[in-house]
N, C-alpha and C. Protein backbone atom coordinates (compact mmCIF):
# COMPACT_ATOMS: atom_id res chain seq x y z
N MET A 1 1.38 7.28 -80.60
CA MET A 1 1.64 8.70 -79.76
C MET A 1 0.66 8.65 -78.43
N LYS A 2 1.26 9.08 -77.49
CA LYS A 2 0.79 8.97 -76.26
C LYS A 2 -0.31 10.23 -76.11
N GLU A 3 -1.33 10.09 -75.46
CA GLU A 3 -2.32 10.93 -75.16
C GLU A 3 -1.70 12.23 -74.36
N VAL A 4 -2.18 13.55 -74.77
CA VAL A 4 -1.92 14.55 -73.70
C VAL A 4 -2.98 14.83 -72.78
N LEU A 5 -2.67 14.92 -71.60
CA LEU A 5 -3.59 15.12 -70.64
C LEU A 5 -3.46 16.34 -69.82
N SER A 6 -4.53 17.11 -69.54
CA SER A 6 -4.31 18.40 -68.70
C SER A 6 -3.94 17.84 -67.08
N ARG A 7 -3.50 18.80 -66.43
CA ARG A 7 -3.08 18.33 -65.14
C ARG A 7 -4.29 17.84 -64.18
N GLU A 8 -5.56 18.40 -64.52
CA GLU A 8 -6.49 17.79 -63.74
C GLU A 8 -6.86 16.49 -64.18
N GLU A 9 -6.65 16.16 -65.50
CA GLU A 9 -7.11 14.88 -65.91
C GLU A 9 -6.01 13.86 -65.32
N ILE A 10 -4.61 14.29 -65.13
CA ILE A 10 -3.70 13.46 -64.70
C ILE A 10 -4.05 13.24 -63.15
N LYS A 11 -4.59 13.98 -62.53
CA LYS A 11 -4.75 14.01 -60.95
C LYS A 11 -6.08 12.96 -60.78
N GLN A 12 -6.91 12.94 -61.85
CA GLN A 12 -8.09 12.01 -61.76
C GLN A 12 -7.83 10.68 -62.13
N ARG A 13 -6.82 10.60 -63.06
CA ARG A 13 -6.45 9.04 -63.44
C ARG A 13 -5.59 8.58 -62.52
N TYR A 14 -4.59 9.06 -61.92
CA TYR A 14 -3.63 8.75 -61.07
C TYR A 14 -3.72 9.32 -59.80
N PRO A 15 -4.65 9.21 -59.10
CA PRO A 15 -4.91 9.80 -57.81
C PRO A 15 -3.70 9.32 -56.70
N ASP A 16 -3.38 10.23 -55.93
CA ASP A 16 -2.13 9.83 -54.91
C ASP A 16 -0.92 9.24 -55.59
N GLU A 17 -0.64 9.55 -56.69
CA GLU A 17 0.78 8.90 -57.20
C GLU A 17 1.74 10.17 -57.66
N TRP A 18 3.05 9.44 -57.88
CA TRP A 18 4.02 10.53 -58.73
C TRP A 18 3.79 10.04 -59.98
N VAL A 19 3.95 11.18 -60.88
CA VAL A 19 3.69 10.97 -62.31
C VAL A 19 4.84 11.72 -63.10
N LEU A 20 5.51 11.00 -64.01
CA LEU A 20 6.49 11.39 -64.89
C LEU A 20 5.64 11.93 -66.16
N VAL A 21 5.84 13.21 -66.54
CA VAL A 21 5.13 13.75 -67.28
C VAL A 21 6.05 14.37 -68.77
N GLY A 22 5.96 13.78 -69.87
CA GLY A 22 6.85 14.08 -70.87
C GLY A 22 6.17 15.33 -71.73
N ASN A 23 7.19 16.13 -72.16
CA ASN A 23 7.08 17.57 -73.03
C ASN A 23 5.61 18.19 -72.23
N PRO A 24 6.06 18.65 -71.25
CA PRO A 24 5.08 19.22 -70.40
C PRO A 24 4.97 20.99 -70.96
N GLU A 25 3.81 21.16 -71.07
CA GLU A 25 3.08 22.68 -71.40
C GLU A 25 2.97 23.31 -70.12
N THR A 26 3.59 24.37 -69.84
CA THR A 26 3.78 25.22 -68.53
C THR A 26 3.19 26.62 -68.59
N ASN A 27 2.97 27.24 -67.62
CA ASN A 27 2.51 28.59 -67.89
C ASN A 27 3.91 29.53 -67.49
N GLU A 28 3.75 30.79 -67.31
CA GLU A 28 4.70 31.84 -66.99
C GLU A 28 5.44 31.29 -65.68
N ALA A 29 4.54 30.72 -64.79
CA ALA A 29 5.04 30.49 -63.43
C ALA A 29 5.75 29.10 -63.54
N LEU A 30 5.97 28.58 -64.73
CA LEU A 30 6.55 27.14 -64.94
C LEU A 30 5.52 25.86 -64.11
N GLU A 31 4.21 26.26 -64.19
CA GLU A 31 3.21 25.25 -63.57
C GLU A 31 3.00 24.47 -64.57
N VAL A 32 2.82 22.98 -64.62
CA VAL A 32 2.48 22.19 -65.43
C VAL A 32 1.20 22.53 -65.97
N LEU A 33 0.84 22.66 -67.11
CA LEU A 33 -0.67 22.76 -67.55
C LEU A 33 -1.24 21.12 -68.07
N ARG A 34 -0.25 20.75 -68.94
CA ARG A 34 -0.71 19.35 -69.52
C ARG A 34 0.49 18.82 -70.22
N GLY A 35 0.60 17.56 -70.38
CA GLY A 35 1.57 16.71 -70.95
C GLY A 35 1.06 15.50 -71.22
N THR A 36 2.18 14.40 -71.76
CA THR A 36 1.99 13.10 -71.80
C THR A 36 2.43 12.25 -70.42
N VAL A 37 1.77 11.41 -69.90
CA VAL A 37 2.13 10.68 -68.88
C VAL A 37 3.22 9.51 -69.30
N LEU A 38 4.16 9.38 -68.99
CA LEU A 38 5.36 8.58 -69.27
C LEU A 38 5.51 7.41 -68.36
N HIS A 39 4.86 7.71 -67.02
CA HIS A 39 5.24 6.66 -65.99
C HIS A 39 4.29 7.28 -64.88
N HIS A 40 3.89 6.33 -64.05
CA HIS A 40 3.29 6.63 -62.71
C HIS A 40 3.51 5.55 -61.75
N SER A 41 3.69 6.07 -60.46
CA SER A 41 3.76 5.07 -59.35
C SER A 41 3.75 5.80 -57.94
N THR A 42 3.28 4.99 -57.04
CA THR A 42 3.35 5.64 -55.61
C THR A 42 4.81 5.74 -55.02
N ASP A 43 5.64 5.06 -55.67
CA ASP A 43 7.12 5.20 -55.27
C ASP A 43 7.85 6.15 -56.25
N ARG A 44 8.26 7.39 -55.59
CA ARG A 44 8.88 8.55 -56.19
C ARG A 44 10.12 8.00 -56.95
N GLU A 45 11.10 7.13 -56.19
CA GLU A 45 12.33 6.61 -56.74
C GLU A 45 12.07 5.96 -58.03
N GLU A 46 11.15 5.15 -58.11
CA GLU A 46 10.73 4.72 -59.38
C GLU A 46 10.52 5.55 -60.51
N ILE A 47 9.87 6.61 -60.38
CA ILE A 47 9.53 7.77 -61.20
C ILE A 47 10.99 8.26 -61.75
N TYR A 48 11.88 8.35 -60.97
CA TYR A 48 13.11 9.10 -61.42
C TYR A 48 14.14 7.82 -62.02
N ARG A 49 13.93 6.61 -61.72
CA ARG A 49 14.60 5.60 -62.31
C ARG A 49 14.07 5.41 -63.76
N ASN A 50 12.91 5.59 -63.90
CA ASN A 50 12.23 5.90 -65.33
C ASN A 50 12.75 6.91 -66.15
N ALA A 51 12.72 8.17 -65.47
CA ALA A 51 13.18 9.26 -66.12
C ALA A 51 14.69 8.79 -66.84
N ILE A 52 15.53 8.21 -65.83
CA ILE A 52 16.71 8.06 -66.35
C ILE A 52 16.69 7.09 -67.55
N ALA A 53 15.95 5.94 -67.47
CA ALA A 53 15.92 5.05 -68.61
C ALA A 53 15.16 5.45 -69.70
N LEU A 54 14.20 6.32 -69.77
CA LEU A 54 13.73 6.76 -71.03
C LEU A 54 14.34 8.09 -71.49
N LYS A 55 14.98 8.83 -70.65
CA LYS A 55 15.73 9.67 -71.35
C LYS A 55 14.91 10.80 -71.96
N PRO A 56 13.85 11.33 -71.65
CA PRO A 56 12.91 12.09 -72.21
C PRO A 56 13.80 13.44 -72.35
N ASN A 57 13.46 14.18 -73.49
CA ASN A 57 14.16 15.59 -73.65
C ASN A 57 13.46 16.48 -72.69
N ARG A 58 12.13 16.66 -72.61
CA ARG A 58 11.63 17.42 -71.60
C ARG A 58 10.98 16.69 -70.66
N PHE A 59 10.95 16.90 -69.51
CA PHE A 59 9.84 16.30 -68.55
C PHE A 59 9.72 16.96 -67.32
N ALA A 60 8.76 16.57 -66.33
CA ALA A 60 8.32 17.20 -65.15
C ALA A 60 7.72 16.04 -64.30
N VAL A 61 8.09 16.23 -62.90
CA VAL A 61 7.49 15.09 -62.11
C VAL A 61 6.64 15.77 -61.36
N LEU A 62 5.33 15.28 -61.28
CA LEU A 62 4.16 15.73 -60.30
C LEU A 62 3.70 14.74 -59.13
N ARG A 63 3.15 15.34 -58.25
CA ARG A 63 2.40 14.37 -57.22
C ARG A 63 0.87 14.76 -57.46
N SER A 64 0.33 13.80 -57.92
CA SER A 64 -1.34 14.06 -58.00
C SER A 64 -2.23 14.13 -56.87
N GLY A 65 -1.47 14.00 -55.66
CA GLY A 65 -2.37 14.18 -54.42
C GLY A 65 -1.50 14.89 -53.43
N ARG A 66 -1.91 14.82 -52.11
CA ARG A 66 -1.41 15.39 -51.13
C ARG A 66 0.03 14.59 -50.99
N LEU A 67 1.03 15.48 -50.59
CA LEU A 67 2.43 14.98 -50.00
C LEU A 67 2.06 14.27 -48.54
N PRO A 68 2.65 13.09 -48.61
CA PRO A 68 2.67 12.29 -47.10
C PRO A 68 3.17 13.16 -45.99
N GLU A 69 2.55 13.33 -45.07
CA GLU A 69 2.86 14.22 -43.85
C GLU A 69 4.18 13.70 -43.22
N SER A 70 4.25 12.25 -43.26
CA SER A 70 5.47 11.83 -42.41
C SER A 70 6.76 11.92 -43.37
N ARG A 71 6.80 12.68 -44.32
CA ARG A 71 7.84 12.81 -45.07
C ARG A 71 8.24 14.12 -45.26
N ARG A 72 9.77 14.50 -45.53
CA ARG A 72 10.14 15.94 -45.84
C ARG A 72 10.64 16.24 -47.25
N TYR A 73 10.14 17.08 -47.89
CA TYR A 73 10.71 17.08 -49.18
C TYR A 73 11.41 18.61 -49.35
N ILE A 74 12.60 18.46 -50.24
CA ILE A 74 13.38 19.64 -50.59
C ILE A 74 12.86 19.77 -51.95
N LEU A 75 12.48 21.15 -52.47
CA LEU A 75 12.01 21.28 -53.69
C LEU A 75 13.02 22.20 -54.26
């Protein structure tokens, strides 16, 4: 079974990466508090490919650092 990490632990272990988090625990505002890291990468598309391949029941995608200023994101 994979280790459950807090959001801060995820940020520290995977700085400036996209992170696929399985079984995320969230607060009332649906902010991720903790979960298991299923995959991490600097390539956001790789994270989504892994989500499709792994087919987790519940997951969230986090950015562990600042979003690159040269890109635009629609959330």
